[in-house]
């Protein structure tokens, strides 16, 4: 059973919750998940097994959707599932299917599946996720310091995505890749600037050596990030509730 925990914030977690989420009722939900776990066999390329990534993405989608419904939100009306969405498109990996090497390399994003999300919206979702991962994921926030909340509003980034105004999108990014791959991918992710850094808080994400998971709950009508959590310890082997700590309940009538 997946549990939503409301206890103390554990070590390695960076939690944020908008102080007045009741001002943003959610009537529709969508889920965007990027999961990556590259392995190294000491060859020229990192190894990517599409079978295991697809299985994990499906498991994460089911767990997230169940948690949203337990919090009073409607079932997800659409989803985008990817591996390598934030990685430079020229980055290649060796392709395996259940540990059997395939003849051709894969280039990022390595796999992608969507439902009720048009192809021309995928770039916008990628840009939103990249901004949140680059600038906001591990940043700590303090209620007594208004400046610590700078950048917690995505604003115009949803203007080109045609969605009902009271839509909530759960963005989940998990990278459990081997240490060297995380360092290399971190360089690729951070090198692709998609907005002026002056619009956001200073860069906080250090993807150098540790696995990490980041989740964001965004109200599209206002662009407000209602909740987020970043952990360098959580993995999908744990209940999703241990990442979705203190997730805000729905306030829609």
Protein backbone atom coordinates (compact mmCIF):
# COMPACT_ATOMS: atom_id res chain seq x y z
CA UNK A 1 0.00 0.00 0.00
CA UNK A 2 1.30 3.42 -0.95
CA UNK A 3 1.27 5.83 1.97
CA UNK A 4 1.44 9.62 2.06
CA UNK A 5 3.58 10.44 5.08
CA UNK A 6 3.15 13.66 7.03
CA UNK A 7 5.91 13.29 9.58
CA UNK A 8 9.13 15.24 10.00
CA UNK A 9 11.15 16.11 6.97
CA UNK A 10 13.84 13.43 6.61
CA UNK A 11 17.51 14.07 6.07
CA UNK A 12 18.35 14.63 2.42
CA UNK A 13 14.93 16.12 1.61
CA UNK A 14 14.14 19.70 0.58
CA UNK A 15 10.42 20.38 0.96
CA UNK A 16 8.32 23.40 -0.04
CA UNK A 17 4.61 24.07 0.20
CA UNK A 18 2.77 27.18 -0.97
CA UNK A 19 1.25 28.86 2.08
CA UNK A 20 -2.22 29.31 0.54
CA UNK A 21 -2.89 26.40 -1.83
CA UNK A 22 -6.63 26.79 -1.18
CA UNK A 23 -6.54 29.71 -3.62
CA UNK A 24 -5.77 27.28 -6.42
CA UNK A 25 -8.39 24.51 -6.58
CA UNK A 26 -7.56 21.67 -8.97
CA UNK A 27 -10.24 20.22 -11.26
CA UNK A 28 -8.03 18.35 -13.75
CA UNK A 29 -4.69 16.57 -13.35
CA UNK A 30 -1.81 15.54 -15.60
CA UNK A 31 1.44 13.70 -14.88
CA UNK A 32 4.87 14.21 -16.47
CA UNK A 33 7.60 11.73 -15.43
CA UNK A 34 11.22 11.48 -16.54
CA UNK A 35 13.11 8.48 -15.17
CA UNK A 36 16.69 7.54 -16.00
CA UNK A 37 19.01 4.82 -14.72
CA UNK A 38 22.09 4.49 -16.94
CA UNK A 39 24.62 1.76 -16.27
CA UNK A 40 28.31 1.55 -17.21
CA UNK A 41 29.98 -1.59 -18.58
CA UNK A 42 33.29 0.22 -19.19
CA UNK A 43 32.59 0.57 -22.89
CA UNK A 44 32.42 3.75 -24.94
CA UNK A 45 28.70 4.34 -24.24
CA UNK A 46 26.49 4.16 -21.18
CA UNK A 47 23.97 1.30 -21.15
CA UNK A 48 20.20 1.83 -21.32
CA UNK A 49 17.64 -0.98 -20.97
CA UNK A 50 14.34 0.16 -22.47
CA UNK A 51 12.36 -2.76 -21.03
CA UNK A 52 13.22 -1.91 -17.43
CA UNK A 53 12.77 1.82 -17.97
CA UNK A 54 9.32 1.35 -19.50
CA UNK A 55 8.32 -0.92 -16.61
CA UNK A 56 9.50 1.59 -14.01
CA UNK A 57 7.77 4.52 -15.74
CA UNK A 58 4.48 2.59 -15.73
CA UNK A 59 4.93 1.76 -12.04
CA UNK A 60 5.69 5.38 -11.17
CA UNK A 61 2.66 6.62 -13.12
CA UNK A 62 0.34 4.18 -11.32
CA UNK A 63 1.76 5.12 -7.91
CA UNK A 64 1.56 8.87 -8.53
CA UNK A 65 -1.97 8.66 -9.92
CA UNK A 66 -3.11 6.63 -6.90
CA UNK A 67 -1.57 9.15 -4.50
CA UNK A 68 -3.24 12.08 -6.27
CA UNK A 69 -6.63 10.41 -6.04
CA UNK A 70 -6.11 9.63 -2.35
CA UNK A 71 -5.46 13.35 -1.85
CA UNK A 72 -8.85 14.14 -3.42
CA UNK A 73 -7.79 14.92 -6.99
CA UNK A 74 -9.36 13.42 -10.13
CA UNK A 75 -7.55 10.66 -11.98
CA UNK A 76 -4.92 11.89 -14.40
CA UNK A 77 -6.46 12.90 -17.72
CA UNK A 78 -3.12 12.75 -19.55
CA UNK A 79 0.51 11.80 -19.07
CA UNK A 80 3.96 12.11 -20.57
CA UNK A 81 6.49 9.37 -19.72
CA UNK A 82 10.10 9.75 -20.83
CA UNK A 83 13.67 8.70 -20.19
CA UNK A 84 16.26 11.38 -20.97
CA UNK A 85 13.85 14.25 -21.64
CA UNK A 86 16.31 16.80 -20.21
CA UNK A 87 19.44 15.38 -21.81
CA UNK A 88 21.10 16.88 -24.88
CA UNK A 89 19.67 15.26 -28.03
CA UNK A 90 23.13 14.27 -29.26
CA UNK A 91 23.80 12.04 -26.23
CA UNK A 92 23.88 8.37 -27.30
CA UNK A 93 23.57 5.16 -25.28
CA UNK A 94 23.81 1.46 -26.03
CA UNK A 95 20.31 0.00 -26.25
CA UNK A 96 19.42 -3.15 -24.32
CA UNK A 97 16.10 -5.00 -24.03
CA UNK A 98 16.07 -7.23 -20.96
CA UNK A 99 19.88 -7.18 -20.93
CA UNK A 100 20.17 -8.16 -24.60
CA UNK A 101 22.20 -5.70 -26.65
CA UNK A 102 20.43 -4.23 -29.68
CA UNK A 103 22.26 -3.30 -32.92
CA UNK A 104 21.58 0.47 -32.95
CA UNK A 105 22.35 3.25 -30.50
CA UNK A 106 19.59 5.33 -28.91
CA UNK A 107 19.69 9.13 -28.69
CA UNK A 108 17.99 11.25 -26.04
CA UNK A 109 15.17 11.23 -25.22
CA UNK A 110 15.65 7.47 -25.28
CA UNK A 111 11.98 6.49 -24.88
CA UNK A 112 8.75 8.48 -24.74
CA UNK A 113 5.05 7.71 -24.36
CA UNK A 114 2.16 10.13 -24.02
CA UNK A 115 -1.60 10.23 -23.74
CA UNK A 116 -3.74 13.35 -24.24
CA UNK A 117 -0.61 15.51 -24.57
CA UNK A 118 -0.08 16.86 -28.10
CA UNK A 119 3.39 16.55 -29.60
CA UNK A 120 3.71 20.34 -29.85
CA UNK A 121 3.28 20.62 -26.05
CA UNK A 122 6.17 18.30 -25.21
CA UNK A 123 8.84 20.97 -25.72
CA UNK A 124 7.01 23.31 -23.32
CA UNK A 125 6.78 20.61 -20.65
CA UNK A 126 10.48 19.86 -21.10
CA UNK A 127 11.36 23.53 -20.69
CA UNK A 128 9.23 23.87 -17.54
CA UNK A 129 10.79 20.77 -16.00
CA UNK A 130 14.31 21.85 -16.94
CA UNK A 131 13.80 25.26 -15.33
CA UNK A 132 12.49 23.73 -12.13
CA UNK A 133 15.30 21.18 -11.97
CA UNK A 134 17.99 23.77 -12.78
CA UNK A 135 16.93 26.51 -10.42
CA UNK A 136 14.46 25.29 -7.83
CA UNK A 137 14.77 21.57 -7.07
CA UNK A 138 17.09 21.54 -3.99
CA UNK A 139 16.57 25.17 -2.95
CA UNK A 140 15.46 25.64 0.66
CA UNK A 141 12.70 28.10 1.51
CA UNK A 142 11.98 30.07 4.66
CA UNK A 143 8.59 31.60 5.40
CA UNK A 144 10.22 34.56 7.15
CA UNK A 145 12.31 35.46 4.10
CA UNK A 146 10.23 36.51 1.05
CA UNK A 147 13.33 36.40 -1.16
CA UNK A 148 13.72 32.68 -0.51
CA UNK A 149 10.52 32.09 -2.53
CA UNK A 150 11.79 33.92 -5.59
CA UNK A 151 11.14 31.92 -8.73
CA UNK A 152 8.38 29.68 -7.31
CA UNK A 153 5.98 30.86 -10.01
CA UNK A 154 6.26 29.64 -13.62
CA UNK A 155 3.93 32.33 -15.03
CA UNK A 156 4.10 32.75 -18.78
CA UNK A 157 5.73 29.34 -19.35
CA UNK A 158 2.25 27.79 -19.53
CA UNK A 159 0.82 30.43 -21.87
CA UNK A 160 1.43 28.25 -24.96
CA UNK A 161 -0.02 25.10 -23.39
CA UNK A 162 -3.77 24.96 -24.02
CA UNK A 163 -5.11 23.49 -20.77
CA UNK A 164 -8.10 24.22 -18.53
CA UNK A 165 -7.05 26.94 -16.02
CA UNK A 166 -7.55 24.74 -12.94
CA UNK A 167 -5.24 21.95 -14.08
CA UNK A 168 -2.60 20.54 -11.76
CA UNK A 169 0.50 18.94 -13.27
CA UNK A 170 2.70 16.64 -11.22
CA UNK A 171 6.25 16.75 -12.60
CA UNK A 172 8.55 13.96 -11.42
CA UNK A 173 12.23 13.67 -12.35
CA UNK A 174 14.28 10.73 -11.06
CA UNK A 175 17.90 9.99 -12.00
CA UNK A 176 19.54 6.91 -10.48
CA UNK A 177 22.32 6.64 -13.05
CA UNK A 178 25.84 5.52 -12.27
CA UNK A 179 27.98 8.21 -10.66
CA UNK A 180 29.94 9.14 -13.75
CA UNK A 181 26.79 9.32 -15.85
CA UNK A 182 25.10 11.67 -13.37
CA UNK A 183 28.08 14.00 -13.52
CA UNK A 184 28.12 13.99 -17.33
CA UNK A 185 24.35 14.37 -17.64
CA UNK A 186 24.38 17.19 -15.11
CA UNK A 187 26.72 19.13 -17.38
CA UNK A 188 24.42 18.53 -20.36
CA UNK A 189 21.28 19.57 -18.48
CA UNK A 190 22.80 22.72 -17.03
CA UNK A 191 24.45 23.80 -20.29
CA UNK A 192 21.12 24.26 -22.09
CA UNK A 193 19.84 27.63 -20.91
CA UNK A 194 16.13 28.09 -21.69
CA UNK A 195 15.54 31.33 -19.77
CA UNK A 196 17.47 34.21 -18.33
CA UNK A 197 18.91 33.32 -14.93
CA UNK A 198 17.88 36.81 -13.77
CA UNK A 199 14.26 35.63 -13.84
CA UNK A 200 14.98 33.04 -11.17
CA UNK A 201 16.96 32.46 -8.05
CA UNK A 202 20.63 31.63 -8.45
CA UNK A 203 21.59 28.18 -9.66
CA UNK A 204 21.28 25.63 -6.87
CA UNK A 205 21.37 22.19 -8.46
CA UNK A 206 24.58 20.19 -8.17
CA UNK A 207 24.11 17.00 -10.14
CA UNK A 208 27.70 15.98 -9.59
CA UNK A 209 27.77 12.70 -7.74
CA UNK A 210 24.49 11.71 -6.11
CA UNK A 211 21.23 10.21 -7.27
CA UNK A 212 18.29 12.54 -6.94
CA UNK A 213 14.51 12.74 -7.25
CA UNK A 214 12.47 15.92 -7.64
CA UNK A 215 8.70 16.37 -7.69
CA UNK A 216 6.71 19.54 -8.40
CA UNK A 217 2.96 20.19 -8.18
CA UNK A 218 2.05 23.13 -10.44
CA UNK A 219 -1.20 25.04 -10.96
CA UNK A 220 -1.27 25.89 -14.65
CA UNK A 221 -3.76 28.76 -14.51
CA UNK A 222 -1.53 30.83 -12.24
CA UNK A 223 1.79 29.13 -12.88
CA UNK A 224 2.19 28.79 -9.11
CA UNK A 225 4.23 25.89 -7.74
CA UNK A 226 1.94 24.70 -4.95
CA UNK A 227 4.33 22.08 -3.58
CA UNK A 228 7.72 20.58 -4.33
CA UNK A 229 10.18 18.14 -2.85
CA UNK A 230 13.75 17.18 -3.72
CA UNK A 231 15.55 14.16 -2.27
CA UNK A 232 19.00 12.69 -2.78
CA UNK A 233 18.00 9.49 -0.96
CA UNK A 234 14.60 8.44 -2.31
CA UNK A 235 14.41 5.66 -4.90
CA UNK A 236 11.40 3.90 -6.51
CA UNK A 237 12.09 0.94 -4.23
CA UNK A 238 10.47 3.05 -1.49
CA UNK A 239 6.78 4.02 -1.29
CA UNK A 240 5.96 7.07 -3.40
CA UNK A 241 4.51 8.66 -0.25
CA UNK A 242 8.03 9.06 1.08
CA UNK A 243 8.71 11.47 -1.79
CA UNK A 244 5.26 13.11 -1.85
CA UNK A 245 5.62 14.34 1.74
CA UNK A 246 2.90 16.68 3.03
CA UNK A 247 1.27 16.77 -0.40
CA UNK A 248 -1.58 19.33 -0.27
CA UNK A 249 -5.14 17.96 -0.44
CA UNK A 250 -7.50 19.16 -3.14
CA UNK A 251 -9.68 22.15 -2.25
CA UNK A 252 -11.96 22.15 -5.29
CA UNK A 253 -15.67 21.92 -4.56
